[in-house]
All heavy atoms as atom14 arrays in JSON, in Angstrom:
{
  "sequence": "SSGGSINYVDSVRGRFTISRDTPKSTVYLKMNSLKPEDTAVYYCNA",
  "atom14_mask": [
    [1, 1, 1, 1, 1, 1, 0, 0, 0, 0, 0, 0, 0, 0],
    [1, 1, 1, 1, 1, 1, 0, 0, 0, 0, 0, 0, 0, 0],
    [1, 1, 1, 1, 0, 0, 0, 0, 0, 0, 0, 0, 0, 0],
    [1, 1, 1, 1, 0, 0, 0, 0, 0, 0, 0, 0, 0, 0],
    [1, 1, 1, 1, 1, 1, 0, 0, 0, 0, 0, 0, 0, 0],
    [1, 1, 1, 1, 1, 1, 1, 1, 0, 0, 0, 0, 0, 0],
    [1, 1, 1, 1, 1, 1, 1, 1, 0, 0, 0, 0, 0, 0],
    [1, 1, 1, 1, 1, 1, 1, 1, 1, 1, 1, 1, 0, 0],
    [1, 1, 1, 1, 1, 1, 1, 0, 0, 0, 0, 0, 0, 0],
    [1, 1, 1, 1, 1, 1, 1, 1, 0, 0, 0, 0, 0, 0],
    [1, 1, 1, 1, 1, 1, 0, 0, 0, 0, 0, 0, 0, 0],
    [1, 1, 1, 1, 1, 1, 1, 0, 0, 0, 0, 0, 0, 0],
    [1, 1, 1, 1, 1, 1, 1, 1, 1, 1, 1, 0, 0, 0],
    [1, 1, 1, 1, 0, 0, 0, 0, 0, 0, 0, 0, 0, 0],
    [1, 1, 1, 1, 1, 1, 1, 1, 1, 1, 1, 0, 0, 0],
    [1, 1, 1, 1, 1, 1, 1, 1, 1, 1, 1, 0, 0, 0],
    [1, 1, 1, 1, 1, 1, 1, 0, 0, 0, 0, 0, 0, 0],
    [1, 1, 1, 1, 1, 1, 1, 1, 0, 0, 0, 0, 0, 0],
    [1, 1, 1, 1, 1, 1, 0, 0, 0, 0, 0, 0, 0, 0],
    [1, 1, 1, 1, 1, 1, 1, 1, 1, 1, 1, 0, 0, 0],
    [1, 1, 1, 1, 1, 1, 1, 1, 0, 0, 0, 0, 0, 0],
    [1, 1, 1, 1, 1, 1, 1, 0, 0, 0, 0, 0, 0, 0],
    [1, 1, 1, 1, 1, 1, 1, 0, 0, 0, 0, 0, 0, 0],
    [1, 1, 1, 1, 1, 1, 1, 1, 1, 0, 0, 0, 0, 0],
    [1, 1, 1, 1, 1, 1, 0, 0, 0, 0, 0, 0, 0, 0],
    [1, 1, 1, 1, 1, 1, 1, 0, 0, 0, 0, 0, 0, 0],
    [1, 1, 1, 1, 1, 1, 1, 0, 0, 0, 0, 0, 0, 0],
    [1, 1, 1, 1, 1, 1, 1, 1, 1, 1, 1, 1, 0, 0],
    [1, 1, 1, 1, 1, 1, 1, 1, 0, 0, 0, 0, 0, 0],
    [1, 1, 1, 1, 1, 1, 1, 1, 1, 0, 0, 0, 0, 0],
    [1, 1, 1, 1, 1, 1, 1, 1, 0, 0, 0, 0, 0, 0],
    [1, 1, 1, 1, 1, 1, 1, 1, 0, 0, 0, 0, 0, 0],
    [1, 1, 1, 1, 1, 1, 0, 0, 0, 0, 0, 0, 0, 0],
    [1, 1, 1, 1, 1, 1, 1, 1, 0, 0, 0, 0, 0, 0],
    [1, 1, 1, 1, 1, 1, 1, 1, 1, 0, 0, 0, 0, 0],
    [1, 1, 1, 1, 1, 1, 1, 0, 0, 0, 0, 0, 0, 0],
    [1, 1, 1, 1, 1, 1, 1, 1, 1, 0, 0, 0, 0, 0],
    [1, 1, 1, 1, 1, 1, 1, 1, 0, 0, 0, 0, 0, 0],
    [1, 1, 1, 1, 1, 1, 1, 0, 0, 0, 0, 0, 0, 0],
    [1, 1, 1, 1, 1, 0, 0, 0, 0, 0, 0, 0, 0, 0],
    [1, 1, 1, 1, 1, 1, 1, 0, 0, 0, 0, 0, 0, 0],
    [1, 1, 1, 1, 1, 1, 1, 1, 1, 1, 1, 1, 0, 0],
    [1, 1, 1, 1, 1, 1, 1, 1, 1, 1, 1, 1, 0, 0],
    [1, 1, 1, 1, 1, 1, 0, 0, 0, 0, 0, 0, 0, 0],
    [1, 1, 1, 1, 1, 1, 1, 1, 0, 0, 0, 0, 0, 0],
    [1, 1, 1, 1, 1, 0, 0, 0, 0, 0, 0, 0, 0, 0]
  ],
  "atom14_positions": [
    [[0.82, -1.19, 0.0], [0.0, 0.0, 0.0], [0.87, 1.25, 0.0], [2.08, 1.2, 0.23], [-0.93, 0.01, 1.21], [-0.21, 0.3, 2.39], [0.0, 0.0, 0.0], [0.0, 0.0, 0.0], [0.0, 0.0, 0.0], [0.0, 0.0, 0.0], [0.0, 0.0, 0.0], [0.0, 0.0, 0.0], [0.0, 0.0, 0.0], [0.0, 0.0, 0.0]],
    [[0.22, 2.38, -0.23], [0.95, 3.65, -0.22], [1.55, 3.93, 1.15], [2.56, 4.64, 1.25], [0.03, 4.8, -0.64], [-1.07, 4.92, 0.24], [0.0, 0.0, 0.0], [0.0, 0.0, 0.0], [0.0, 0.0, 0.0], [0.0, 0.0, 0.0], [0.0, 0.0, 0.0], [0.0, 0.0, 0.0], [0.0, 0.0, 0.0], [0.0, 0.0, 0.0]],
    [[0.94, 3.38, 2.19], [1.46, 3.54, 3.54], [2.54, 2.54, 3.9], [3.09, 2.61, 5.01], [0.0, 0.0, 0.0], [0.0, 0.0, 0.0], [0.0, 0.0, 0.0], [0.0, 0.0, 0.0], [0.0, 0.0, 0.0], [0.0, 0.0, 0.0], [0.0, 0.0, 0.0], [0.0, 0.0, 0.0], [0.0, 0.0, 0.0], [0.0, 0.0, 0.0]],
    [[2.84, 1.6, 3.01], [3.9, 0.64, 3.24], [3.46, -0.72, 3.76], [4.31, -1.59, 3.98], [0.0, 0.0, 0.0], [0.0, 0.0, 0.0], [0.0, 0.0, 0.0], [0.0, 0.0, 0.0], [0.0, 0.0, 0.0], [0.0, 0.0, 0.0], [0.0, 0.0, 0.0], [0.0, 0.0, 0.0], [0.0, 0.0, 0.0], [0.0, 0.0, 0.0]],
    [[2.16, -0.92, 3.97], [1.68, -2.22, 4.43], [1.84, -3.25, 3.33], [1.54, -2.98, 2.17], [0.22, -2.13, 4.85], [0.07, -1.24, 5.95], [0.0, 0.0, 0.0], [0.0, 0.0, 0.0], [0.0, 0.0, 0.0], [0.0, 0.0, 0.0], [0.0, 0.0, 0.0], [0.0, 0.0, 0.0], [0.0, 0.0, 0.0], [0.0, 0.0, 0.0]],
    [[2.27, -4.46, 3.69], [2.56, -5.52, 2.73], [1.83, -6.79, 3.1], [1.76, -7.16, 4.28], [4.08, -5.79, 2.66], [4.82, -4.58, 2.11], [4.36, -7.03, 1.82], [6.33, -4.69, 2.19], [0.0, 0.0, 0.0], [0.0, 0.0, 0.0], [0.0, 0.0, 0.0], [0.0, 0.0, 0.0], [0.0, 0.0, 0.0], [0.0, 0.0, 0.0]],
    [[1.28, -7.45, 2.1], [0.66, -8.76, 2.27], [1.18, -9.71, 1.2], [1.37, -9.32, 0.05], [-0.86, -8.66, 2.18], [-1.47, -7.99, 3.39], [-1.23, -8.4, 4.52], [-2.28, -6.96, 3.16], [0.0, 0.0, 0.0], [0.0, 0.0, 0.0], [0.0, 0.0, 0.0], [0.0, 0.0, 0.0], [0.0, 0.0, 0.0], [0.0, 0.0, 0.0]],
    [[1.38, -10.98, 1.59], [1.8, -12.04, 0.68], [0.84, -13.22, 0.77], [0.28, -13.5, 1.83], [3.19, -12.57, 1.02], [4.32, -11.59, 0.92], [4.82, -10.96, 2.05], [4.91, -11.31, -0.31], [5.87, -10.07, 1.96], [5.96, -10.41, -0.41], [6.44, -9.79, 0.73], [7.49, -8.91, 0.64], [0.0, 0.0, 0.0], [0.0, 0.0, 0.0]],
    [[0.7, -13.92, -0.34], [0.03, -15.2, -0.29], [0.95, -16.19, 0.44], [2.18, -16.09, 0.35], [-0.33, -15.7, -1.7], [0.92, -16.04, -2.5], [-1.28, -16.88, -1.64], [0.0, 0.0, 0.0], [0.0, 0.0, 0.0], [0.0, 0.0, 0.0], [0.0, 0.0, 0.0], [0.0, 0.0, 0.0], [0.0, 0.0, 0.0], [0.0, 0.0, 0.0]],
    [[0.36, -17.11, 1.19], [1.15, -18.0, 2.04], [2.23, -18.76, 1.27], [3.32, -19.0, 1.8], [0.24, -18.98, 2.76], [-0.57, -18.34, 3.87], [-0.24, -17.21, 4.28], [-1.53, -18.97, 4.34], [0.0, 0.0, 0.0], [0.0, 0.0, 0.0], [0.0, 0.0, 0.0], [0.0, 0.0, 0.0], [0.0, 0.0, 0.0], [0.0, 0.0, 0.0]],
    [[1.94, -19.14, 0.05], [2.84, -19.99, -0.71], [4.15, -19.3, -1.1], [5.11, -19.98, -1.47], [2.15, -20.53, -1.96], [1.73, -19.48, -2.8], [0.0, 0.0, 0.0], [0.0, 0.0, 0.0], [0.0, 0.0, 0.0], [0.0, 0.0, 0.0], [0.0, 0.0, 0.0], [0.0, 0.0, 0.0], [0.0, 0.0, 0.0], [0.0, 0.0, 0.0]],
    [[4.21, -17.98, -1.04], [5.42, -17.26, -1.42], [6.08, -16.54, -0.26], [7.2, -16.04, -0.42], [5.16, -16.26, -2.57], [4.42, -16.93, -3.71], [4.4, -15.03, -2.07], [0.0, 0.0, 0.0], [0.0, 0.0, 0.0], [0.0, 0.0, 0.0], [0.0, 0.0, 0.0], [0.0, 0.0, 0.0], [0.0, 0.0, 0.0], [0.0, 0.0, 0.0]],
    [[5.41, -16.49, 0.86], [5.96, -15.76, 2.01], [7.3, -16.36, 2.43], [7.45, -17.56, 2.58], [4.97, -15.79, 3.17], [5.39, -14.9, 4.34], [4.31, -14.85, 5.43], [3.12, -14.13, 4.98], [1.96, -14.71, 4.71], [1.83, -16.03, 4.85], [0.93, -13.98, 4.31], [0.0, 0.0, 0.0], [0.0, 0.0, 0.0], [0.0, 0.0, 0.0]],
    [[8.3, -15.5, 2.58], [9.64, -15.93, 2.91], [10.52, -16.14, 1.71], [11.75, -16.21, 1.85], [0.0, 0.0, 0.0], [0.0, 0.0, 0.0], [0.0, 0.0, 0.0], [0.0, 0.0, 0.0], [0.0, 0.0, 0.0], [0.0, 0.0, 0.0], [0.0, 0.0, 0.0], [0.0, 0.0, 0.0], [0.0, 0.0, 0.0], [0.0, 0.0, 0.0]],
    [[9.94, -16.26, 0.52], [10.7, -16.43, -0.71], [10.65, -15.2, -1.61], [11.63, -14.89, -2.28], [10.19, -17.64, -1.5], [10.29, -18.96, -0.75], [9.95, -20.13, -1.65], [8.56, -20.08, -2.1], [8.19, -20.03, -3.37], [9.1, -20.03, -4.34], [6.9, -20.0, -3.7], [0.0, 0.0, 0.0], [0.0, 0.0, 0.0], [0.0, 0.0, 0.0]],
    [[9.51, -14.54, -1.64], [9.33, -13.36, -2.49], [9.36, -12.1, -1.64], [8.93, -12.11, -0.47], [7.98, -13.41, -3.21], [7.86, -14.48, -4.26], [8.81, -15.48, -4.41], [6.76, -14.48, -5.12], [8.68, -16.46, -5.37], [6.62, -15.46, -6.09], [7.58, -16.45, -6.22], [0.0, 0.0, 0.0], [0.0, 0.0, 0.0], [0.0, 0.0, 0.0]],
    [[9.82, -11.01, -2.24], [9.85, -9.72, -1.57], [9.31, -8.66, -2.51], [9.82, -8.49, -3.62], [11.27, -9.34, -1.13], [11.8, -10.34, -0.26], [11.24, -8.0, -0.38], [0.0, 0.0, 0.0], [0.0, 0.0, 0.0], [0.0, 0.0, 0.0], [0.0, 0.0, 0.0], [0.0, 0.0, 0.0], [0.0, 0.0, 0.0], [0.0, 0.0, 0.0]],
    [[8.29, -7.93, -2.06], [7.75, -6.84, -2.84], [8.32, -5.53, -2.3], [8.5, -5.36, -1.1], [6.2, -6.82, -2.82], [5.65, -5.81, -3.82], [5.68, -6.56, -1.42], [4.15, -5.92, -4.04], [0.0, 0.0, 0.0], [0.0, 0.0, 0.0], [0.0, 0.0, 0.0], [0.0, 0.0, 0.0], [0.0, 0.0, 0.0], [0.0, 0.0, 0.0]],
    [[8.63, -4.61, -3.21], [9.15, -3.31, -2.83], [8.7, -2.28, -3.85], [8.11, -2.62, -4.88], [10.68, -3.34, -2.73], [11.27, -3.67, -3.97], [0.0, 0.0, 0.0], [0.0, 0.0, 0.0], [0.0, 0.0, 0.0], [0.0, 0.0, 0.0], [0.0, 0.0, 0.0], [0.0, 0.0, 0.0], [0.0, 0.0, 0.0], [0.0, 0.0, 0.0]],
    [[8.97, -1.03, -3.57], [8.51, 0.04, -4.45], [9.5, 1.18, -4.51], [10.33, 1.36, -3.61], [7.16, 0.57, -3.98], [7.26, 1.3, -2.65], [5.93, 1.75, -2.13], [6.09, 2.4, -0.83], [5.11, 2.78, -0.05], [3.85, 2.54, -0.43], [5.35, 3.37, 1.11], [0.0, 0.0, 0.0], [0.0, 0.0, 0.0], [0.0, 0.0, 0.0]],
    [[9.42, 1.93, -5.6], [10.12, 3.18, -5.76], [9.03, 4.21, -6.01], [8.58, 4.39, -7.14], [11.11, 3.12, -6.92], [11.94, 4.38, -7.06], [11.54, 5.44, -6.56], [13.01, 4.31, -7.69], [0.0, 0.0, 0.0], [0.0, 0.0, 0.0], [0.0, 0.0, 0.0], [0.0, 0.0, 0.0], [0.0, 0.0, 0.0], [0.0, 0.0, 0.0]],
    [[8.58, 4.86, -4.97], [7.42, 5.72, -5.05], [7.57, 6.88, -6.05], [6.66, 7.13, -6.84], [7.05, 6.26, -3.66], [6.78, 5.16, -2.79], [5.83, 7.15, -3.73], [0.0, 0.0, 0.0], [0.0, 0.0, 0.0], [0.0, 0.0, 0.0], [0.0, 0.0, 0.0], [0.0, 0.0, 0.0], [0.0, 0.0, 0.0], [0.0, 0.0, 0.0]],
    [[8.7, 7.61, -6.06], [8.83, 8.7, -7.04], [8.74, 8.23, -8.48], [8.33, 9.02, -9.35], [10.22, 9.28, -6.73], [10.47, 8.93, -5.31], [9.85, 7.58, -5.13], [0.0, 0.0, 0.0], [0.0, 0.0, 0.0], [0.0, 0.0, 0.0], [0.0, 0.0, 0.0], [0.0, 0.0, 0.0], [0.0, 0.0, 0.0], [0.0, 0.0, 0.0]],
    [[9.1, 6.98, -8.76], [9.04, 6.45, -10.11], [7.78, 5.65, -10.38], [7.62, 5.08, -11.47], [10.26, 5.57, -10.39], [11.57, 6.33, -10.38], [12.74, 5.41, -10.72], [14.04, 6.18, -10.75], [15.2, 5.29, -11.06], [0.0, 0.0, 0.0], [0.0, 0.0, 0.0], [0.0, 0.0, 0.0], [0.0, 0.0, 0.0], [0.0, 0.0, 0.0]],
    [[6.87, 5.59, -9.41], [5.63, 4.81, -9.53], [5.92, 3.39, -10.0], [5.25, 2.87, -10.9], [4.65, 5.52, -10.48], [4.3, 6.8, -9.99], [0.0, 0.0, 0.0], [0.0, 0.0, 0.0], [0.0, 0.0, 0.0], [0.0, 0.0, 0.0], [0.0, 0.0, 0.0], [0.0, 0.0, 0.0], [0.0, 0.0, 0.0], [0.0, 0.0, 0.0]],
    [[6.9, 2.77, -9.38], [7.37, 1.46, -9.8], [7.32, 0.49, -8.62], [7.66, 0.85, -7.49], [8.8, 1.53, -10.34], [8.83, 2.39, -11.49], [9.29, 0.15, -10.76], [0.0, 0.0, 0.0], [0.0, 0.0, 0.0], [0.0, 0.0, 0.0], [0.0, 0.0, 0.0], [0.0, 0.0, 0.0], [0.0, 0.0, 0.0], [0.0, 0.0, 0.0]],
    [[6.89, -0.72, -8.91], [6.85, -1.78, -7.91], [7.69, -2.95, -8.42], [7.74, -3.21, -9.63], [5.4, -2.22, -7.6], [4.74, -2.87, -8.81], [5.37, -3.15, -6.4], [0.0, 0.0, 0.0], [0.0, 0.0, 0.0], [0.0, 0.0, 0.0], [0.0, 0.0, 0.0], [0.0, 0.0, 0.0], [0.0, 0.0, 0.0], [0.0, 0.0, 0.0]],
    [[8.35, -3.65, -7.5], [9.22, -4.76, -7.84], [8.77, -6.02, -7.09], [8.16, -5.95, -6.02], [10.67, -4.47, -7.46], [11.21, -3.2, -8.05], [11.16, -2.0, -7.33], [11.77, -3.17, -9.32], [11.66, -0.83, -7.86], [12.26, -2.0, -9.86], [12.21, -0.84, -9.13], [12.7, 0.33, -9.66], [0.0, 0.0, 0.0], [0.0, 0.0, 0.0]],
    [[9.1, -7.16, -7.66], [8.88, -8.43, -6.99], [10.14, -9.27, -7.15], [10.42, -9.76, -8.24], [7.67, -9.17, -7.56], [7.27, -10.44, -6.8], [6.73, -10.09, -5.41], [6.24, -11.24, -7.58], [0.0, 0.0, 0.0], [0.0, 0.0, 0.0], [0.0, 0.0, 0.0], [0.0, 0.0, 0.0], [0.0, 0.0, 0.0], [0.0, 0.0, 0.0]],
    [[10.9, -9.39, -6.07], [12.07, -10.25, -6.07], [11.64, -11.64, -5.68], [11.09, -11.85, -4.6], [13.11, -9.71, -5.08], [14.43, -10.49, -5.08], [15.15, -10.34, -6.41], [16.57, -10.9, -6.34], [16.57, -12.37, -6.22], [0.0, 0.0, 0.0], [0.0, 0.0, 0.0], [0.0, 0.0, 0.0], [0.0, 0.0, 0.0], [0.0, 0.0, 0.0]],
    [[11.9, -12.6, -6.55], [11.47, -13.97, -6.36], [12.69, -14.86, -6.2], [13.47, -15.03, -7.14], [10.62, -14.44, -7.55], [9.42, -13.55, -7.82], [8.36, -14.17, -9.15], [9.48, -13.96, -10.55], [0.0, 0.0, 0.0], [0.0, 0.0, 0.0], [0.0, 0.0, 0.0], [0.0, 0.0, 0.0], [0.0, 0.0, 0.0], [0.0, 0.0, 0.0]],
    [[12.85, -15.43, -5.03], [13.94, -16.34, -4.72], [13.42, -17.75, -4.53], [12.23, -17.97, -4.31], [14.67, -15.9, -3.46], [15.37, -14.57, -3.59], [15.89, -14.23, -4.65], [15.39, -13.8, -2.51], [0.0, 0.0, 0.0], [0.0, 0.0, 0.0], [0.0, 0.0, 0.0], [0.0, 0.0, 0.0], [0.0, 0.0, 0.0], [0.0, 0.0, 0.0]],
    [[14.33, -18.72, -4.6], [13.98, -20.12, -4.38], [12.77, -20.54, -5.19], [11.82, -21.15, -4.68], [13.75, -20.37, -2.89], [14.89, -20.03, -2.12], [0.0, 0.0, 0.0], [0.0, 0.0, 0.0], [0.0, 0.0, 0.0], [0.0, 0.0, 0.0], [0.0, 0.0, 0.0], [0.0, 0.0, 0.0], [0.0, 0.0, 0.0], [0.0, 0.0, 0.0]],
    [[12.78, -20.22, -6.46], [11.63, -20.48, -7.31], [11.36, -21.97, -7.46], [12.29, -22.78, -7.51], [11.83, -19.83, -8.68], [11.59, -18.32, -8.7], [12.22, -17.7, -9.94], [10.09, -18.02, -8.65], [0.0, 0.0, 0.0], [0.0, 0.0, 0.0], [0.0, 0.0, 0.0], [0.0, 0.0, 0.0], [0.0, 0.0, 0.0], [0.0, 0.0, 0.0]],
    [[10.08, -22.29, -7.53], [9.61, -23.66, -7.67], [8.82, -23.8, -8.96], [8.26, -22.82, -9.45], [8.73, -24.04, -6.48], [9.37, -23.86, -5.12], [8.36, -24.14, -4.01], [8.98, -23.95, -2.65], [8.0, -24.21, -1.57], [0.0, 0.0, 0.0], [0.0, 0.0, 0.0], [0.0, 0.0, 0.0], [0.0, 0.0, 0.0], [0.0, 0.0, 0.0]],
    [[8.74, -25.01, -9.51], [7.92, -25.19, -10.72], [6.48, -24.7, -10.55], [5.9, -24.21, -11.51], [7.98, -26.7, -10.95], [9.3, -27.1, -10.39], [9.49, -26.24, -9.17], [0.0, 0.0, 0.0], [0.0, 0.0, 0.0], [0.0, 0.0, 0.0], [0.0, 0.0, 0.0], [0.0, 0.0, 0.0], [0.0, 0.0, 0.0], [0.0, 0.0, 0.0]],
    [[5.93, -24.82, -9.36], [4.57, -24.36, -9.13], [4.42, -22.85, -9.16], [3.3, -22.33, -9.12], [4.01, -24.93, -7.82], [4.94, -24.77, -6.64], [5.75, -26.01, -6.35], [6.33, -26.58, -7.31], [5.81, -26.43, -5.17], [0.0, 0.0, 0.0], [0.0, 0.0, 0.0], [0.0, 0.0, 0.0], [0.0, 0.0, 0.0], [0.0, 0.0, 0.0]],
    [[5.53, -22.12, -9.21], [5.48, -20.67, -9.39], [5.28, -20.28, -10.85], [5.09, -19.1, -11.14], [6.76, -20.01, -8.86], [6.93, -20.16, -7.36], [5.94, -19.99, -6.63], [8.06, -20.43, -6.92], [0.0, 0.0, 0.0], [0.0, 0.0, 0.0], [0.0, 0.0, 0.0], [0.0, 0.0, 0.0], [0.0, 0.0, 0.0], [0.0, 0.0, 0.0]],
    [[5.35, -21.24, -11.75], [5.17, -20.96, -13.16], [3.79, -20.37, -13.42], [2.77, -20.96, -13.06], [5.36, -22.24, -13.99], [6.7, -22.7, -13.86], [5.07, -21.98, -15.46], [0.0, 0.0, 0.0], [0.0, 0.0, 0.0], [0.0, 0.0, 0.0], [0.0, 0.0, 0.0], [0.0, 0.0, 0.0], [0.0, 0.0, 0.0], [0.0, 0.0, 0.0]],
    [[3.76, -19.2, -14.04], [2.51, -18.5, -14.28], [2.79, -17.22, -15.06], [3.95, -16.82, -15.21], [1.81, -18.15, -12.96], [0.0, 0.0, 0.0], [0.0, 0.0, 0.0], [0.0, 0.0, 0.0], [0.0, 0.0, 0.0], [0.0, 0.0, 0.0], [0.0, 0.0, 0.0], [0.0, 0.0, 0.0], [0.0, 0.0, 0.0], [0.0, 0.0, 0.0]],
    [[1.73, -16.61, -15.54], [1.82, -15.25, -16.04], [1.6, -14.33, -14.85], [0.61, -14.46, -14.13], [0.79, -14.95, -17.14], [0.86, -13.5, -17.57], [1.02, -15.88, -18.33], [0.0, 0.0, 0.0], [0.0, 0.0, 0.0], [0.0, 0.0, 0.0], [0.0, 0.0, 0.0], [0.0, 0.0, 0.0], [0.0, 0.0, 0.0], [0.0, 0.0, 0.0]],
    [[2.53, -13.42, -14.64], [2.46, -12.5, -13.52], [1.97, -11.14, -14.01], [2.51, -10.58, -14.97], [3.83, -12.36, -12.85], [4.19, -13.55, -12.0], [4.5, -14.77, -12.58], [4.19, -13.46, -10.61], [4.79, -15.87, -11.8], [4.49, -14.55, -9.82], [4.79, -15.76, -10.42], [5.09, -16.85, -9.64], [0.0, 0.0, 0.0], [0.0, 0.0, 0.0]],
    [[0.95, -10.62, -13.34], [0.32, -9.37, -13.73], [0.52, -8.3, -12.66], [0.27, -8.55, -11.48], [-1.19, -9.56, -13.93], [-1.56, -10.5, -15.05], [-1.75, -11.85, -14.81], [-1.72, -10.02, -16.35], [-2.09, -12.72, -15.83], [-2.07, -10.88, -17.37], [-2.25, -12.23, -17.11], [-2.6, -13.08, -18.13], [0.0, 0.0, 0.0], [0.0, 0.0, 0.0]],
    [[0.92, -7.14, -13.09], [1.0, -5.99, -12.2], [-0.38, -5.37, -12.05], [-1.15, -5.3, -13.01], [1.99, -4.97, -12.77], [2.2, -3.49, -11.75], [0.0, 0.0, 0.0], [0.0, 0.0, 0.0], [0.0, 0.0, 0.0], [0.0, 0.0, 0.0], [0.0, 0.0, 0.0], [0.0, 0.0, 0.0], [0.0, 0.0, 0.0], [0.0, 0.0, 0.0]],
    [[-0.68, -4.92, -10.86], [-1.96, -4.27, -10.57], [-1.73, -3.01, -9.75], [-0.87, -2.98, -8.87], [-2.88, -5.23, -9.81], [-4.14, -4.56, -9.3], [-4.24, -4.21, -8.12], [-5.11, -4.38, -10.19], [0.0, 0.0, 0.0], [0.0, 0.0, 0.0], [0.0, 0.0, 0.0], [0.0, 0.0, 0.0], [0.0, 0.0, 0.0], [0.0, 0.0, 0.0]],
    [[-2.51, -1.99, -10.05], [-2.44, -0.76, -9.28], [-3.84, -0.24, -9.02], [-4.72, -0.32, -9.88], [-1.63, 0.3, -10.02], [0.0, 0.0, 0.0], [0.0, 0.0, 0.0], [0.0, 0.0, 0.0], [0.0, 0.0, 0.0], [0.0, 0.0, 0.0], [0.0, 0.0, 0.0], [0.0, 0.0, 0.0], [0.0, 0.0, 0.0], [0.0, 0.0, 0.0]]
  ]
}
């Protein structure tokens, strides 16, 4: 959120990290320890 609150789905918690660059209106998703079940089309939402 704009206030910095973060939520993750249980299956990625501890492996993925979401962050933002507010002046650039940009959000990132760092994905570590990837598993075959992570295979998907990933969509950004605002």
